N, C-alpha and C. Protein backbone atom coordinates (compact mmCIF):
# COMPACT_ATOMS: atom_id res chain seq x y z
N UNK A 1 -2.28 -3.92 3.11
CA UNK A 1 -2.14 -5.41 2.72
C UNK A 1 -1.60 -6.09 3.84
N UNK A 2 -2.19 -7.29 3.96
CA UNK A 2 -1.62 -8.16 5.09
C UNK A 2 -0.43 -8.91 4.53
N UNK A 3 0.71 -8.59 5.29
CA UNK A 3 1.94 -9.17 4.92
C UNK A 3 1.95 -10.63 5.11
N UNK A 4 1.39 -10.96 6.35
CA UNK A 4 1.24 -12.41 6.51
C UNK A 4 0.51 -13.29 5.57
N UNK A 5 -0.52 -12.75 5.10
CA UNK A 5 -1.37 -13.36 4.08
C UNK A 5 -0.61 -13.43 2.72
N UNK A 6 0.13 -12.28 2.44
CA UNK A 6 0.96 -12.33 1.16
C UNK A 6 2.10 -13.36 1.21
N UNK A 7 2.68 -13.54 2.40
CA UNK A 7 3.66 -14.51 2.50
C UNK A 7 3.04 -15.96 2.31
N UNK A 8 1.84 -16.13 3.00
CA UNK A 8 1.11 -17.45 2.76
C UNK A 8 0.89 -17.72 1.40
N UNK A 9 0.38 -16.71 0.58
CA UNK A 9 0.20 -16.83 -0.87
C UNK A 9 1.42 -17.19 -1.65
N UNK A 10 2.61 -16.57 -1.29
CA UNK A 10 3.76 -16.88 -2.01
C UNK A 10 4.26 -18.27 -1.60
N UNK A 11 4.11 -18.69 -0.32
CA UNK A 11 4.54 -20.00 0.11
C UNK A 11 3.68 -21.11 -0.40
N UNK A 12 2.49 -20.82 -0.84
CA UNK A 12 1.68 -21.71 -1.34
C UNK A 12 2.10 -22.33 -2.73
N UNK A 13 2.89 -21.41 -3.52
CA UNK A 13 3.45 -21.82 -4.77
C UNK A 13 4.56 -22.77 -4.53
N UNK A 14 5.36 -22.57 -3.43
CA UNK A 14 6.51 -23.57 -3.23
C UNK A 14 7.16 -23.00 -1.77
N UNK A 15 7.70 -24.04 -1.12
CA UNK A 15 8.40 -23.73 0.02
C UNK A 15 9.73 -22.77 -0.12
N UNK A 16 10.01 -21.81 0.71
CA UNK A 16 10.99 -20.89 0.50
C UNK A 16 11.64 -20.56 1.73
N UNK A 17 12.99 -20.18 1.65
CA UNK A 17 13.77 -19.51 2.72
C UNK A 17 13.32 -18.07 2.91
N UNK A 18 13.58 -17.59 4.08
CA UNK A 18 13.14 -16.19 4.30
C UNK A 18 13.59 -15.24 3.42
N UNK A 19 14.90 -15.34 2.89
CA UNK A 19 15.50 -14.34 1.91
C UNK A 19 14.95 -14.55 0.65
N UNK A 20 14.49 -15.77 0.21
CA UNK A 20 13.76 -15.92 -1.04
C UNK A 20 12.37 -15.37 -1.07
N UNK A 21 11.72 -15.42 0.12
CA UNK A 21 10.43 -14.87 0.34
C UNK A 21 10.53 -13.41 0.30
N UNK A 22 11.59 -12.75 0.83
CA UNK A 22 11.81 -11.35 0.74
C UNK A 22 11.90 -10.83 -0.65
N UNK A 23 12.81 -11.68 -1.37
CA UNK A 23 13.09 -11.31 -2.85
C UNK A 23 11.85 -11.29 -3.72
N UNK A 24 10.93 -12.42 -3.45
CA UNK A 24 9.87 -12.48 -4.26
C UNK A 24 8.83 -11.43 -3.88
N UNK A 25 8.65 -11.02 -2.68
CA UNK A 25 7.77 -9.95 -2.13
C UNK A 25 8.32 -8.67 -2.86
N UNK A 26 9.56 -8.32 -2.59
CA UNK A 26 10.19 -7.12 -3.14
C UNK A 26 9.82 -7.02 -4.73
N UNK A 27 10.22 -8.18 -5.36
CA UNK A 27 10.07 -8.13 -6.86
C UNK A 27 8.48 -7.86 -7.29
N UNK A 28 7.61 -8.45 -6.60
CA UNK A 28 6.14 -8.38 -6.96
C UNK A 28 5.50 -7.16 -6.31
N UNK A 29 5.70 -6.83 -5.06
CA UNK A 29 4.81 -5.90 -4.40
C UNK A 29 5.66 -4.74 -3.75
N UNK A 30 6.96 -4.83 -3.61
CA UNK A 30 7.73 -3.84 -2.88
C UNK A 30 8.72 -3.10 -3.64
N UNK A 31 8.49 -3.02 -4.89
CA UNK A 31 9.48 -2.29 -5.86
C UNK A 31 9.99 -0.95 -5.28
N UNK A 32 8.95 -0.21 -4.88
CA UNK A 32 9.47 1.16 -4.34
C UNK A 32 9.69 1.21 -2.82
N UNK A 33 9.43 0.02 -2.22
CA UNK A 33 9.56 0.02 -0.70
C UNK A 33 9.92 -1.35 -0.39
N UNK A 34 11.20 -1.88 -0.40
CA UNK A 34 11.52 -3.15 -0.10
C UNK A 34 11.32 -3.50 1.46
N UNK A 35 10.97 -4.72 1.72
CA UNK A 35 10.80 -5.08 3.04
C UNK A 35 12.15 -5.24 3.82
N UNK A 36 12.12 -4.78 5.04
CA UNK A 36 13.26 -5.03 6.01
C UNK A 36 13.40 -6.60 6.31
N UNK A 37 14.60 -7.19 6.36
CA UNK A 37 14.76 -8.46 6.76
C UNK A 37 14.07 -8.67 8.13
N UNK A 38 14.16 -7.88 9.01
CA UNK A 38 13.56 -8.15 10.38
C UNK A 38 12.11 -8.32 10.24
N UNK A 39 11.44 -7.59 9.39
CA UNK A 39 10.02 -7.84 9.28
C UNK A 39 9.73 -9.14 8.61
N UNK A 40 10.58 -9.50 7.80
CA UNK A 40 10.20 -10.88 7.14
C UNK A 40 10.33 -12.03 8.16
N UNK A 41 11.36 -11.84 8.99
CA UNK A 41 11.49 -12.94 9.97
C UNK A 41 10.50 -12.92 11.17
N UNK A 42 10.06 -11.61 11.54
CA UNK A 42 9.11 -11.48 12.50
C UNK A 42 7.77 -11.96 12.05
N UNK A 43 7.44 -11.76 10.80
CA UNK A 43 6.12 -12.26 10.23
C UNK A 43 6.27 -13.75 10.13
N UNK A 44 7.34 -14.31 9.69
CA UNK A 44 7.41 -15.79 9.59
C UNK A 44 7.39 -16.42 11.05
N UNK A 45 8.04 -15.76 11.90
CA UNK A 45 7.88 -16.38 13.21
C UNK A 45 6.27 -16.39 13.84
N UNK A 46 5.65 -15.37 13.55
CA UNK A 46 4.24 -15.32 13.93
C UNK A 46 3.36 -16.25 13.23
N UNK A 47 3.62 -16.41 11.83
CA UNK A 47 2.93 -17.54 11.11
C UNK A 47 3.26 -18.86 11.62
N UNK A 48 4.58 -19.15 12.04
CA UNK A 48 4.96 -20.42 12.63
C UNK A 48 4.32 -20.71 13.87
N UNK A 49 4.18 -19.68 14.72
CA UNK A 49 3.54 -19.80 15.98
C UNK A 49 2.08 -20.06 15.79
N UNK A 50 1.45 -19.58 14.86
CA UNK A 50 -0.03 -19.71 14.64
C UNK A 50 -0.39 -20.93 13.80
N UNK A 51 0.64 -21.68 13.38
CA UNK A 51 0.64 -22.98 12.77
C UNK A 51 0.10 -22.89 11.33
N UNK A 52 0.40 -21.71 10.67
CA UNK A 52 0.09 -21.50 9.27
C UNK A 52 1.16 -21.80 8.45
N UNK A 53 2.49 -21.77 8.98
CA UNK A 53 3.57 -22.25 8.18
C UNK A 53 4.38 -23.28 9.12
N UNK A 54 5.21 -24.10 8.50
CA UNK A 54 6.06 -25.00 9.32
C UNK A 54 7.46 -24.88 8.62
N UNK A 55 8.51 -25.31 9.49
CA UNK A 55 9.73 -25.42 8.96
C UNK A 55 9.92 -26.72 8.09
N UNK A 56 10.13 -26.63 6.89
CA UNK A 56 10.13 -27.76 5.85
C UNK A 56 11.53 -28.39 5.97
N UNK A 57 12.53 -27.54 5.99
CA UNK A 57 13.96 -28.06 6.03
C UNK A 57 14.90 -27.23 6.75
N UNK A 58 15.84 -27.74 7.40
CA UNK A 58 16.89 -26.79 8.00
C UNK A 58 18.22 -27.25 7.29
N UNK A 59 18.93 -26.34 6.75
CA UNK A 59 20.18 -26.59 6.02
C UNK A 59 21.24 -25.76 6.82
N UNK A 60 22.49 -26.52 6.92
CA UNK A 60 23.56 -25.76 7.51
C UNK A 60 24.06 -24.63 6.65
N UNK A 61 24.56 -23.59 7.10
CA UNK A 61 25.07 -22.52 6.25
C UNK A 61 26.29 -21.97 6.93
N UNK A 62 26.93 -20.96 6.20
CA UNK A 62 28.20 -20.33 6.79
C UNK A 62 27.89 -19.74 8.17
N UNK A 63 26.65 -19.16 8.18
CA UNK A 63 26.28 -18.57 9.49
C UNK A 63 25.32 -19.43 10.20
N UNK A 64 24.12 -18.80 10.55
CA UNK A 64 23.16 -19.54 11.17
C UNK A 64 22.51 -20.54 10.25
N UNK A 65 21.89 -21.53 10.74
CA UNK A 65 21.15 -22.51 9.99
C UNK A 65 20.04 -21.80 9.11
N UNK A 66 19.87 -22.35 7.93
CA UNK A 66 18.90 -21.78 6.99
C UNK A 66 17.62 -22.55 7.14
N UNK A 67 16.52 -21.90 7.42
CA UNK A 67 15.31 -22.59 7.56
C UNK A 67 14.41 -22.45 6.29
N UNK A 68 13.80 -23.49 5.72
CA UNK A 68 12.86 -23.30 4.55
C UNK A 68 11.40 -23.48 5.26
N UNK A 69 10.63 -22.56 4.77
CA UNK A 69 9.28 -22.59 5.32
C UNK A 69 8.31 -23.18 4.24
N UNK A 70 7.29 -23.82 4.73
CA UNK A 70 6.26 -24.28 3.86
C UNK A 70 4.87 -24.03 4.49
N UNK A 71 3.81 -23.72 3.67
CA UNK A 71 2.51 -23.45 4.22
C UNK A 71 1.95 -24.77 4.63
N UNK A 72 1.13 -24.68 5.80
CA UNK A 72 0.37 -25.81 6.31
C UNK A 72 -1.02 -25.95 5.77
N UNK A 73 -1.77 -26.89 5.96
CA UNK A 73 -3.23 -26.92 5.60
C UNK A 73 -3.90 -25.75 6.13
N UNK A 74 -3.64 -25.44 7.52
CA UNK A 74 -4.36 -24.31 7.96
C UNK A 74 -3.99 -23.03 7.30
N UNK A 75 -2.69 -22.82 7.02
CA UNK A 75 -2.29 -21.75 6.11
C UNK A 75 -3.01 -21.53 4.94
N UNK A 76 -3.19 -22.63 4.16
CA UNK A 76 -3.96 -22.70 2.74
C UNK A 76 -5.31 -22.31 3.09
N UNK A 77 -5.99 -22.81 4.04
CA UNK A 77 -7.35 -22.41 4.44
C UNK A 77 -7.48 -20.85 4.88
N UNK A 78 -6.50 -20.40 5.53
CA UNK A 78 -6.52 -19.03 5.94
C UNK A 78 -6.29 -18.04 4.74
N UNK A 79 -5.28 -18.35 3.80
CA UNK A 79 -5.09 -17.58 2.70
C UNK A 79 -6.33 -17.51 1.77
N UNK A 80 -7.02 -18.76 1.45
CA UNK A 80 -8.13 -18.87 0.80
C UNK A 80 -9.27 -17.97 1.38
N UNK A 81 -9.40 -17.96 2.73
CA UNK A 81 -10.56 -17.14 3.25
C UNK A 81 -10.18 -15.75 3.05
N UNK A 82 -8.91 -15.37 3.16
CA UNK A 82 -8.44 -13.95 2.95
C UNK A 82 -8.64 -13.47 1.42
N UNK A 83 -8.42 -14.38 0.55
CA UNK A 83 -8.57 -14.00 -0.86
C UNK A 83 -10.00 -13.76 -1.25
N UNK A 84 -10.88 -14.55 -0.73
CA UNK A 84 -12.26 -14.41 -1.00
C UNK A 84 -13.08 -13.27 -0.27
N UNK A 85 -12.34 -12.65 0.68
CA UNK A 85 -12.99 -11.58 1.58
C UNK A 85 -12.84 -10.30 0.86
N UNK A 86 -13.73 -9.45 0.55
CA UNK A 86 -13.56 -8.26 -0.10
C UNK A 86 -12.90 -7.27 0.88
N UNK A 87 -12.15 -6.30 0.35
CA UNK A 87 -11.55 -5.31 1.11
C UNK A 87 -12.51 -4.13 1.23
N UNK A 88 -12.52 -3.50 2.48
CA UNK A 88 -13.45 -2.54 2.83
C UNK A 88 -13.06 -1.23 1.92
N UNK A 89 -13.90 -0.65 1.07
CA UNK A 89 -13.51 0.51 0.35
C UNK A 89 -13.13 1.56 1.38
N UNK A 90 -12.21 2.42 1.17
CA UNK A 90 -11.79 3.48 2.00
C UNK A 90 -12.25 4.80 1.28
N UNK A 91 -13.26 5.40 1.86
CA UNK A 91 -13.81 6.64 1.14
C UNK A 91 -13.02 7.84 1.62
N UNK A 92 -12.17 7.87 2.57
CA UNK A 92 -11.53 9.13 3.03
C UNK A 92 -12.38 10.24 3.29
N UNK A 93 -13.38 9.87 4.07
CA UNK A 93 -14.42 10.97 4.21
C UNK A 93 -13.83 12.16 5.17
N UNK A 94 -12.82 11.99 5.87
CA UNK A 94 -12.35 13.18 6.62
C UNK A 94 -10.78 13.21 6.33
N UNK A 95 -10.36 13.91 5.22
CA UNK A 95 -8.90 13.85 5.00
C UNK A 95 -8.32 15.05 5.61
N UNK A 96 -7.04 14.86 5.63
CA UNK A 96 -6.09 16.11 6.17
C UNK A 96 -6.30 17.13 5.24
N UNK A 97 -6.31 16.96 4.11
CA UNK A 97 -6.43 18.21 2.97
C UNK A 97 -7.78 18.93 3.37
N UNK A 98 -8.86 18.26 3.46
CA UNK A 98 -10.13 18.86 3.81
C UNK A 98 -9.93 19.76 5.16
N UNK A 99 -9.40 19.10 6.11
CA UNK A 99 -8.93 19.86 7.30
C UNK A 99 -8.25 21.12 7.07
N UNK A 100 -7.23 21.15 6.23
CA UNK A 100 -6.39 22.25 5.94
C UNK A 100 -7.23 23.31 5.25
N UNK A 101 -8.09 22.89 4.40
CA UNK A 101 -8.93 23.94 3.69
C UNK A 101 -9.95 24.65 4.65
N UNK A 102 -10.41 23.85 5.52
CA UNK A 102 -11.42 24.37 6.44
C UNK A 102 -10.62 25.39 7.46
N UNK A 103 -9.48 25.01 7.88
CA UNK A 103 -8.75 25.76 8.89
C UNK A 103 -8.14 26.95 8.21
N UNK A 104 -7.82 26.94 6.95
CA UNK A 104 -7.45 28.09 6.27
C UNK A 104 -8.52 29.08 6.04
N UNK A 105 -9.83 28.67 5.83
CA UNK A 105 -10.97 29.46 5.72
C UNK A 105 -11.19 30.04 7.05
N UNK A 106 -11.18 29.31 8.06
CA UNK A 106 -11.48 29.88 9.46
C UNK A 106 -10.55 30.92 9.89
N UNK A 107 -9.29 30.77 9.48
CA UNK A 107 -8.28 31.68 9.94
C UNK A 107 -7.99 32.82 9.02
N UNK A 108 -8.84 32.92 7.96
CA UNK A 108 -8.67 34.08 6.96
C UNK A 108 -7.58 33.86 5.95
N UNK A 109 -6.88 32.83 5.97
CA UNK A 109 -5.92 32.53 5.03
C UNK A 109 -6.47 32.09 3.69
N UNK A 110 -5.67 32.26 2.64
CA UNK A 110 -6.34 31.82 1.24
C UNK A 110 -6.43 30.34 1.04
N UNK A 111 -7.56 29.71 1.22
CA UNK A 111 -7.69 28.32 1.04
C UNK A 111 -7.39 27.93 -0.37
N UNK A 112 -7.73 28.88 -1.31
CA UNK A 112 -7.27 28.41 -2.70
C UNK A 112 -5.85 28.21 -2.87
N UNK A 113 -5.00 28.77 -2.07
CA UNK A 113 -3.51 28.47 -2.11
C UNK A 113 -3.28 27.15 -1.69
N UNK A 114 -4.01 26.75 -0.73
CA UNK A 114 -3.81 25.15 -0.15
C UNK A 114 -4.11 24.39 -1.23
N UNK A 115 -5.21 24.55 -1.95
CA UNK A 115 -5.62 23.67 -3.08
C UNK A 115 -4.68 23.76 -4.22
N UNK A 116 -4.01 24.85 -4.46
CA UNK A 116 -3.20 25.16 -5.57
C UNK A 116 -1.94 24.40 -5.32
N UNK A 117 -1.36 24.47 -4.13
CA UNK A 117 -0.12 23.76 -3.65
C UNK A 117 -0.39 22.16 -3.88
N UNK A 118 -1.56 21.90 -3.36
CA UNK A 118 -1.84 20.32 -3.49
C UNK A 118 -1.96 19.81 -4.89
N UNK A 119 -2.56 20.60 -5.73
CA UNK A 119 -2.72 20.31 -7.22
C UNK A 119 -1.44 20.15 -7.91
N UNK A 120 -0.66 21.12 -7.53
CA UNK A 120 0.78 20.96 -8.06
C UNK A 120 1.50 19.80 -7.66
N UNK A 121 1.48 19.39 -6.39
CA UNK A 121 2.03 18.19 -5.87
C UNK A 121 1.45 16.85 -6.69
N UNK A 122 0.14 16.95 -6.71
CA UNK A 122 -0.62 15.82 -7.28
C UNK A 122 -0.06 15.63 -8.94
N UNK A 123 0.13 16.78 -9.57
CA UNK A 123 0.44 16.74 -10.94
C UNK A 123 1.90 16.25 -11.06
N UNK A 124 2.77 16.71 -10.08
CA UNK A 124 4.13 16.29 -10.02
C UNK A 124 4.15 14.82 -9.94
N UNK A 125 3.35 14.19 -9.09
CA UNK A 125 3.50 12.69 -8.77
C UNK A 125 2.78 11.97 -10.00
N UNK A 126 1.78 12.57 -10.56
CA UNK A 126 1.16 11.99 -11.81
C UNK A 126 2.25 11.86 -12.91
N UNK A 127 3.12 12.95 -13.11
CA UNK A 127 4.04 12.85 -14.21
C UNK A 127 5.04 11.76 -13.87
N UNK A 128 5.43 11.69 -12.43
CA UNK A 128 6.51 10.71 -12.07
C UNK A 128 5.82 9.27 -12.45
N UNK A 129 4.64 9.07 -12.10
CA UNK A 129 4.10 7.67 -12.14
C UNK A 129 3.92 7.32 -13.71
N UNK A 130 3.59 8.39 -14.55
CA UNK A 130 3.56 8.23 -16.00
C UNK A 130 4.78 7.78 -16.58
N UNK A 131 5.89 8.42 -16.18
CA UNK A 131 7.26 8.06 -16.66
C UNK A 131 7.52 6.56 -16.17
N UNK A 132 7.28 6.38 -14.98
CA UNK A 132 7.47 4.92 -14.42
C UNK A 132 6.65 3.92 -15.08
N UNK A 133 5.33 4.28 -15.40
CA UNK A 133 4.52 3.35 -16.14
C UNK A 133 5.13 3.05 -17.52
N UNK A 134 5.66 4.11 -18.18
CA UNK A 134 6.20 3.95 -19.60
C UNK A 134 7.39 3.04 -19.75
N UNK A 135 8.14 2.91 -18.64
CA UNK A 135 9.29 2.14 -18.71
C UNK A 135 9.17 0.88 -17.90
N UNK A 136 7.93 0.61 -17.35
CA UNK A 136 7.82 -0.56 -16.51
C UNK A 136 7.28 -1.77 -17.09
N UNK A 137 7.37 -2.88 -16.55
CA UNK A 137 6.61 -3.99 -16.90
C UNK A 137 5.18 -3.98 -16.65
N UNK A 138 4.36 -4.92 -17.01
CA UNK A 138 3.05 -5.04 -16.77
C UNK A 138 2.59 -4.76 -15.24
N UNK A 139 3.29 -5.42 -14.38
CA UNK A 139 2.97 -5.22 -12.94
C UNK A 139 3.20 -3.73 -12.57
N UNK A 140 4.25 -3.24 -13.02
CA UNK A 140 4.47 -1.76 -12.73
C UNK A 140 3.45 -0.86 -13.31
N UNK A 141 3.06 -1.29 -14.54
CA UNK A 141 2.08 -0.40 -15.24
C UNK A 141 0.78 -0.58 -14.38
N UNK A 142 0.27 -1.67 -13.91
CA UNK A 142 -0.84 -1.79 -13.21
C UNK A 142 -0.91 -1.04 -11.79
N UNK A 143 0.28 -1.10 -11.25
CA UNK A 143 0.37 -0.35 -9.86
C UNK A 143 0.35 1.08 -10.16
N UNK A 144 1.03 1.50 -11.31
CA UNK A 144 1.05 3.06 -11.50
C UNK A 144 -0.29 3.47 -11.92
N UNK A 145 -1.11 2.68 -12.56
CA UNK A 145 -2.53 2.93 -13.08
C UNK A 145 -3.40 3.21 -11.81
N UNK A 146 -3.25 2.35 -10.84
CA UNK A 146 -3.99 2.40 -9.57
C UNK A 146 -3.74 3.72 -9.00
N UNK A 147 -2.45 4.07 -8.84
CA UNK A 147 -2.00 5.43 -8.27
C UNK A 147 -2.63 6.55 -9.08
N UNK A 148 -2.49 6.46 -10.44
CA UNK A 148 -2.98 7.49 -11.21
C UNK A 148 -4.50 7.74 -11.18
N UNK A 149 -5.20 6.69 -11.10
CA UNK A 149 -6.66 6.73 -11.01
C UNK A 149 -7.01 7.49 -9.62
N UNK A 150 -6.39 7.08 -8.59
CA UNK A 150 -6.67 7.82 -7.36
C UNK A 150 -6.25 9.23 -7.40
N UNK A 151 -5.13 9.65 -7.99
CA UNK A 151 -4.65 10.99 -8.05
C UNK A 151 -5.75 11.72 -8.92
N UNK A 152 -6.18 11.20 -10.05
CA UNK A 152 -7.14 11.83 -10.91
C UNK A 152 -8.42 12.20 -10.05
N UNK A 153 -8.85 11.21 -9.33
CA UNK A 153 -10.10 11.44 -8.47
C UNK A 153 -9.76 12.71 -7.46
N UNK A 154 -8.58 12.64 -6.93
CA UNK A 154 -8.22 13.76 -6.01
C UNK A 154 -8.36 15.08 -6.71
N UNK A 155 -7.84 15.16 -8.00
CA UNK A 155 -7.79 16.33 -8.67
C UNK A 155 -9.22 16.77 -8.94
N UNK A 156 -10.07 15.82 -9.26
CA UNK A 156 -11.50 16.23 -9.41
C UNK A 156 -11.98 16.89 -8.20
N UNK A 157 -11.79 16.26 -7.00
CA UNK A 157 -12.11 16.86 -5.71
C UNK A 157 -11.55 18.34 -5.51
N UNK A 158 -10.26 18.43 -5.88
CA UNK A 158 -9.62 19.71 -5.69
C UNK A 158 -10.43 20.74 -6.67
N UNK A 159 -10.67 20.42 -7.74
CA UNK A 159 -11.30 21.46 -8.63
C UNK A 159 -12.76 21.69 -8.11
N UNK A 160 -13.41 20.76 -7.65
CA UNK A 160 -14.82 20.92 -7.14
C UNK A 160 -14.76 21.71 -5.80
N UNK A 161 -13.88 21.55 -5.09
CA UNK A 161 -13.71 22.20 -3.73
C UNK A 161 -13.34 23.76 -3.98
N UNK A 162 -12.41 23.86 -5.04
CA UNK A 162 -12.06 25.26 -5.38
C UNK A 162 -13.28 26.05 -5.92
N UNK A 163 -14.16 25.47 -6.59
CA UNK A 163 -15.34 26.10 -7.13
C UNK A 163 -16.33 26.34 -5.96
N UNK A 164 -16.26 25.69 -4.92
CA UNK A 164 -17.15 25.93 -3.66
C UNK A 164 -16.65 26.56 -2.72
N UNK A 165 -15.43 27.10 -2.56
CA UNK A 165 -14.83 27.85 -1.46
C UNK A 165 -15.57 28.77 -0.86
N UNK A 166 -16.14 29.68 -1.69
CA UNK A 166 -17.07 30.81 -1.03
C UNK A 166 -18.25 30.21 -0.29
N UNK A 167 -18.95 29.25 -0.89
CA UNK A 167 -20.04 28.70 -0.16
C UNK A 167 -19.59 27.92 1.04
N UNK A 168 -18.40 27.20 1.06
CA UNK A 168 -18.01 26.55 2.21
C UNK A 168 -17.53 27.56 3.32
N UNK A 169 -16.99 28.58 2.93
CA UNK A 169 -16.62 29.86 3.97
C UNK A 169 -17.82 30.15 4.60
N UNK A 170 -19.00 30.36 3.89
CA UNK A 170 -20.10 30.94 4.43
C UNK A 170 -20.78 29.83 5.40
N UNK A 171 -20.65 28.61 5.19
CA UNK A 171 -21.25 27.61 5.97
C UNK A 171 -20.53 27.31 7.26
N UNK A 172 -19.19 27.42 7.10
CA UNK A 172 -18.30 27.02 8.37
C UNK A 172 -18.39 28.29 9.38
N UNK A 173 -18.61 29.43 8.88
CA UNK A 173 -18.47 30.60 9.65
C UNK A 173 -19.79 31.09 10.33
N UNK A 174 -20.82 30.16 10.24
CA UNK A 174 -22.16 30.49 10.76
C UNK A 174 -22.06 30.42 12.23
């Protein structure tokens, strides 16, 4: 996800101080991984330099002056272009897990154990996301659904690979 574009989208709704932007981001997108303040201000500085935001107001505070940022017309154009651009699907054609399975087979280790360990971890995370989804609001539910659907696809791959281990072992040892 592009942090700069996300900030532009948030600023399009109203001008904000850096700490307000961080709070909105954390509430909407960073619940399990809040943004560090340094990243907020580094991103705002880059957006300001590129003419996508401007300082709307400067207010005195107990410490440094508080700047309120607003999106510029160029920023609106930029976020509009980003929103209408499709994201490239990530097929994960060469995953670390596949590499582990092949290396286990090549070394004579039990590749089925690699798959079993991974299956256990996937199921653990699915249970955690299911609990989080049950107690979350709609945004949390949608985020958890996204993760659960990916984990389900991974589990299907784990099962398919387990069923084909003998065939894979023959092919890679040629």
